[in-house]
Amino acid sequence: MESVTLPFALRLAAIIQLLSSSALRGTTFNKTVALCHHLQQAATAEDIDPCLHSALREVLDSWQGVSCHPASIAVNHYPAIAPGYSTH
């Protein structure tokens, strides 16, 4: 993946967006690759709080263990309380 220099706050925003998207619509190969890339870059940033650095490393270690099929796609999960949808 091509490395782009992003401000730290923007990189954290990308991490949050990818985590949120994975939680809401499922993990895909591309989201996992992008998330690991952003986590790796954020974890190597200089002058960050040691606790934040540790948390970023732990999350990165966890996500590096995720394996998705390269052709995986996101799906819509509708909440059980939304009108017109039911769960089985």
N, C-alpha and C. Protein backbone atom coordinates (compact mmCIF):
# COMPACT_ATOMS: atom_id res chain seq x y z
N MET A 1 0.85 -1.18 0.00
CA MET A 1 0.00 0.00 0.00
C MET A 1 0.89 1.24 0.00
N GLU A 2 0.54 2.20 -0.79
CA GLU A 2 1.28 3.44 -0.88
C GLU A 2 1.15 4.22 0.42
N SER A 3 2.26 4.71 0.94
CA SER A 3 2.24 5.44 2.20
C SER A 3 2.04 6.92 1.93
N VAL A 4 1.01 7.48 2.55
CA VAL A 4 0.70 8.89 2.42
C VAL A 4 0.89 9.53 3.78
N THR A 5 1.55 10.67 3.81
CA THR A 5 1.75 11.36 5.08
C THR A 5 0.47 12.10 5.45
N LEU A 6 -0.14 11.66 6.55
CA LEU A 6 -1.36 12.28 7.05
C LEU A 6 -1.10 12.87 8.43
N PRO A 7 -1.75 13.96 8.77
CA PRO A 7 -1.67 14.44 10.15
C PRO A 7 -2.21 13.35 11.08
N PHE A 8 -1.67 13.27 12.28
CA PHE A 8 -2.03 12.22 13.22
C PHE A 8 -3.54 12.19 13.49
N ALA A 9 -4.16 13.36 13.66
CA ALA A 9 -5.59 13.41 13.95
C ALA A 9 -6.41 12.84 12.78
N LEU A 10 -5.99 13.12 11.56
CA LEU A 10 -6.69 12.59 10.39
C LEU A 10 -6.52 11.07 10.30
N ARG A 11 -5.35 10.58 10.65
CA ARG A 11 -5.11 9.14 10.65
C ARG A 11 -5.99 8.46 11.70
N LEU A 12 -6.11 9.06 12.88
CA LEU A 12 -7.00 8.51 13.90
C LEU A 12 -8.45 8.51 13.43
N ALA A 13 -8.84 9.55 12.71
CA ALA A 13 -10.21 9.61 12.17
C ALA A 13 -10.43 8.46 11.17
N ALA A 14 -9.43 8.17 10.35
CA ALA A 14 -9.54 7.06 9.40
C ALA A 14 -9.66 5.73 10.13
N ILE A 15 -8.90 5.57 11.21
CA ILE A 15 -8.98 4.34 12.01
C ILE A 15 -10.37 4.18 12.60
N ILE A 16 -10.90 5.24 13.17
CA ILE A 16 -12.25 5.19 13.76
C ILE A 16 -13.28 4.87 12.70
N GLN A 17 -13.18 5.48 11.53
CA GLN A 17 -14.12 5.22 10.45
C GLN A 17 -14.07 3.76 9.99
N LEU A 18 -12.87 3.23 9.84
CA LEU A 18 -12.73 1.84 9.41
C LEU A 18 -13.23 0.86 10.47
N LEU A 19 -12.98 1.15 11.74
CA LEU A 19 -13.49 0.30 12.82
C LEU A 19 -15.02 0.34 12.85
N SER A 20 -15.57 1.54 12.72
CA SER A 20 -17.02 1.70 12.74
C SER A 20 -17.65 0.98 11.56
N SER A 21 -17.10 1.14 10.38
CA SER A 21 -17.62 0.50 9.18
C SER A 21 -17.54 -1.03 9.31
N SER A 22 -16.46 -1.52 9.87
CA SER A 22 -16.32 -2.96 10.07
C SER A 22 -17.34 -3.49 11.07
N ALA A 23 -17.60 -2.71 12.11
CA ALA A 23 -18.59 -3.13 13.11
C ALA A 23 -20.00 -3.11 12.54
N LEU A 24 -20.32 -2.12 11.73
CA LEU A 24 -21.67 -1.97 11.21
C LEU A 24 -21.96 -2.82 9.98
N ARG A 25 -20.97 -2.98 9.10
CA ARG A 25 -21.23 -3.66 7.82
C ARG A 25 -20.37 -4.89 7.59
N GLY A 26 -19.50 -5.19 8.51
CA GLY A 26 -18.65 -6.37 8.37
C GLY A 26 -17.26 -6.03 7.88
N THR A 27 -16.34 -6.89 8.23
CA THR A 27 -14.95 -6.70 7.84
C THR A 27 -14.74 -7.24 6.43
N THR A 28 -13.98 -6.50 5.65
CA THR A 28 -13.61 -6.96 4.32
C THR A 28 -12.08 -6.96 4.21
N PHE A 29 -11.59 -7.61 3.18
CA PHE A 29 -10.15 -7.67 2.96
C PHE A 29 -9.54 -6.26 2.85
N ASN A 30 -10.16 -5.41 2.03
CA ASN A 30 -9.60 -4.07 1.81
C ASN A 30 -9.66 -3.21 3.06
N LYS A 31 -10.76 -3.31 3.83
CA LYS A 31 -10.85 -2.53 5.08
C LYS A 31 -9.78 -3.00 6.06
N THR A 32 -9.55 -4.30 6.12
CA THR A 32 -8.55 -4.84 7.05
C THR A 32 -7.15 -4.36 6.67
N VAL A 33 -6.84 -4.40 5.39
CA VAL A 33 -5.52 -3.93 4.93
C VAL A 33 -5.35 -2.45 5.24
N ALA A 34 -6.37 -1.65 4.94
CA ALA A 34 -6.29 -0.21 5.19
C ALA A 34 -6.18 0.08 6.69
N LEU A 35 -6.97 -0.63 7.49
CA LEU A 35 -6.93 -0.42 8.93
C LEU A 35 -5.56 -0.76 9.50
N CYS A 36 -5.00 -1.89 9.11
CA CYS A 36 -3.67 -2.26 9.60
C CYS A 36 -2.62 -1.25 9.17
N HIS A 37 -2.73 -0.75 7.96
CA HIS A 37 -1.78 0.27 7.49
C HIS A 37 -1.87 1.53 8.35
N HIS A 38 -3.09 2.02 8.59
CA HIS A 38 -3.25 3.23 9.40
C HIS A 38 -2.81 3.00 10.84
N LEU A 39 -3.12 1.83 11.40
CA LEU A 39 -2.69 1.52 12.76
C LEU A 39 -1.17 1.47 12.86
N GLN A 40 -0.53 0.86 11.86
CA GLN A 40 0.93 0.78 11.85
C GLN A 40 1.55 2.17 11.80
N GLN A 41 1.04 3.01 10.92
CA GLN A 41 1.56 4.37 10.81
C GLN A 41 1.32 5.18 12.09
N ALA A 42 0.14 5.04 12.67
CA ALA A 42 -0.18 5.77 13.90
C ALA A 42 0.68 5.30 15.07
N ALA A 43 0.92 4.00 15.14
CA ALA A 43 1.70 3.44 16.24
C ALA A 43 3.17 3.85 16.18
N THR A 44 3.64 4.24 15.00
CA THR A 44 5.04 4.66 14.87
C THR A 44 5.20 6.18 14.92
N ALA A 45 4.09 6.88 15.15
CA ALA A 45 4.16 8.34 15.25
C ALA A 45 4.98 8.75 16.47
N GLU A 46 5.68 9.82 16.32
CA GLU A 46 6.50 10.34 17.42
C GLU A 46 5.65 11.23 18.32
N ASP A 47 6.08 11.34 19.55
CA ASP A 47 5.47 12.25 20.53
C ASP A 47 4.01 11.94 20.81
N ILE A 48 3.64 10.67 20.88
CA ILE A 48 2.29 10.33 21.31
C ILE A 48 2.36 9.73 22.71
N ASP A 49 1.28 9.84 23.41
CA ASP A 49 1.19 9.32 24.76
C ASP A 49 1.55 7.83 24.76
N PRO A 50 2.35 7.37 25.73
CA PRO A 50 2.72 5.95 25.77
C PRO A 50 1.52 5.01 25.88
N CYS A 51 0.48 5.43 26.58
CA CYS A 51 -0.72 4.59 26.69
C CYS A 51 -1.42 4.47 25.34
N LEU A 52 -1.49 5.55 24.59
CA LEU A 52 -2.08 5.52 23.26
C LEU A 52 -1.23 4.65 22.34
N HIS A 53 0.07 4.79 22.43
CA HIS A 53 0.97 3.96 21.62
C HIS A 53 0.73 2.48 21.92
N SER A 54 0.63 2.12 23.19
CA SER A 54 0.39 0.74 23.58
C SER A 54 -0.95 0.23 23.06
N ALA A 55 -1.98 1.07 23.17
CA ALA A 55 -3.31 0.68 22.69
C ALA A 55 -3.30 0.47 21.18
N LEU A 56 -2.64 1.34 20.45
CA LEU A 56 -2.56 1.20 18.99
C LEU A 56 -1.84 -0.08 18.61
N ARG A 57 -0.77 -0.42 19.32
CA ARG A 57 -0.02 -1.65 19.04
C ARG A 57 -0.88 -2.88 19.32
N GLU A 58 -1.62 -2.86 20.43
CA GLU A 58 -2.48 -3.99 20.78
C GLU A 58 -3.57 -4.20 19.73
N VAL A 59 -4.19 -3.10 19.31
CA VAL A 59 -5.24 -3.19 18.29
C VAL A 59 -4.64 -3.69 16.98
N LEU A 60 -3.48 -3.17 16.61
CA LEU A 60 -2.81 -3.62 15.38
C LEU A 60 -2.52 -5.11 15.46
N ASP A 61 -1.99 -5.58 16.57
CA ASP A 61 -1.69 -7.00 16.71
C ASP A 61 -2.94 -7.85 16.53
N SER A 62 -4.06 -7.38 17.07
CA SER A 62 -5.32 -8.11 16.94
C SER A 62 -5.79 -8.15 15.49
N TRP A 63 -5.75 -7.01 14.81
CA TRP A 63 -6.26 -6.94 13.44
C TRP A 63 -5.34 -7.63 12.44
N GLN A 64 -4.06 -7.75 12.75
CA GLN A 64 -3.17 -8.46 11.85
C GLN A 64 -3.50 -9.96 11.82
N GLY A 65 -4.21 -10.43 12.84
CA GLY A 65 -4.62 -11.83 12.88
C GLY A 65 -5.92 -12.10 12.14
N VAL A 66 -6.57 -11.05 11.63
CA VAL A 66 -7.84 -11.22 10.92
C VAL A 66 -7.56 -11.63 9.48
N SER A 67 -8.27 -12.64 9.04
CA SER A 67 -8.10 -13.12 7.67
C SER A 67 -9.42 -13.03 6.93
N CYS A 68 -9.45 -12.25 5.88
CA CYS A 68 -10.64 -12.10 5.04
C CYS A 68 -10.32 -12.56 3.63
N HIS A 69 -11.30 -13.15 2.98
CA HIS A 69 -11.14 -13.53 1.58
C HIS A 69 -10.98 -12.25 0.75
N PRO A 70 -10.06 -12.21 -0.20
CA PRO A 70 -9.87 -11.00 -1.00
C PRO A 70 -11.12 -10.51 -1.73
N ALA A 71 -12.09 -11.37 -1.97
CA ALA A 71 -13.31 -10.96 -2.66
C ALA A 71 -14.46 -10.68 -1.69
N SER A 72 -14.15 -10.55 -0.39
CA SER A 72 -15.21 -10.31 0.59
C SER A 72 -15.86 -8.95 0.36
N ILE A 73 -17.14 -8.85 0.68
CA ILE A 73 -17.88 -7.60 0.51
C ILE A 73 -18.61 -7.27 1.80
N ALA A 74 -18.90 -6.00 2.00
CA ALA A 74 -19.65 -5.56 3.16
C ALA A 74 -21.13 -5.85 2.94
N VAL A 75 -21.84 -6.04 4.03
CA VAL A 75 -23.28 -6.30 3.96
C VAL A 75 -24.02 -5.33 4.87
N ASN A 76 -25.29 -5.11 4.57
CA ASN A 76 -26.11 -4.26 5.43
C ASN A 76 -26.74 -5.10 6.53
N HIS A 77 -26.61 -4.63 7.76
CA HIS A 77 -27.25 -5.27 8.90
C HIS A 77 -28.26 -4.27 9.43
N TYR A 78 -29.52 -4.60 9.31
CA TYR A 78 -30.55 -3.68 9.77
C TYR A 78 -30.87 -3.95 11.23
N PRO A 79 -31.04 -2.91 12.02
CA PRO A 79 -31.38 -3.12 13.43
C PRO A 79 -32.75 -3.77 13.57
N ALA A 80 -32.91 -4.56 14.60
CA ALA A 80 -34.16 -5.27 14.83
C ALA A 80 -35.32 -4.32 15.11
N ILE A 81 -35.03 -3.09 15.51
CA ILE A 81 -36.10 -2.15 15.86
C ILE A 81 -36.55 -1.29 14.68
N ALA A 82 -35.87 -1.41 13.54
CA ALA A 82 -36.23 -0.59 12.38
C ALA A 82 -37.56 -1.08 11.81
N PRO A 83 -38.46 -0.18 11.45
CA PRO A 83 -39.72 -0.60 10.87
C PRO A 83 -39.52 -1.34 9.56
N GLY A 84 -40.27 -2.40 9.38
CA GLY A 84 -40.21 -3.12 8.12
C GLY A 84 -39.21 -4.25 8.08
N TYR A 85 -38.40 -4.41 9.10
CA TYR A 85 -37.40 -5.47 9.13
C TYR A 85 -37.67 -6.38 10.32
N SER A 86 -37.41 -7.63 10.14
CA SER A 86 -37.56 -8.56 11.25
C SER A 86 -36.36 -9.48 11.28
N THR A 87 -36.14 -10.09 12.41
CA THR A 87 -35.04 -11.05 12.54
C THR A 87 -35.63 -12.45 12.63
N HIS A 88 -34.88 -13.41 12.19
CA HIS A 88 -35.33 -14.80 12.22
C HIS A 88 -34.39 -15.61 13.08
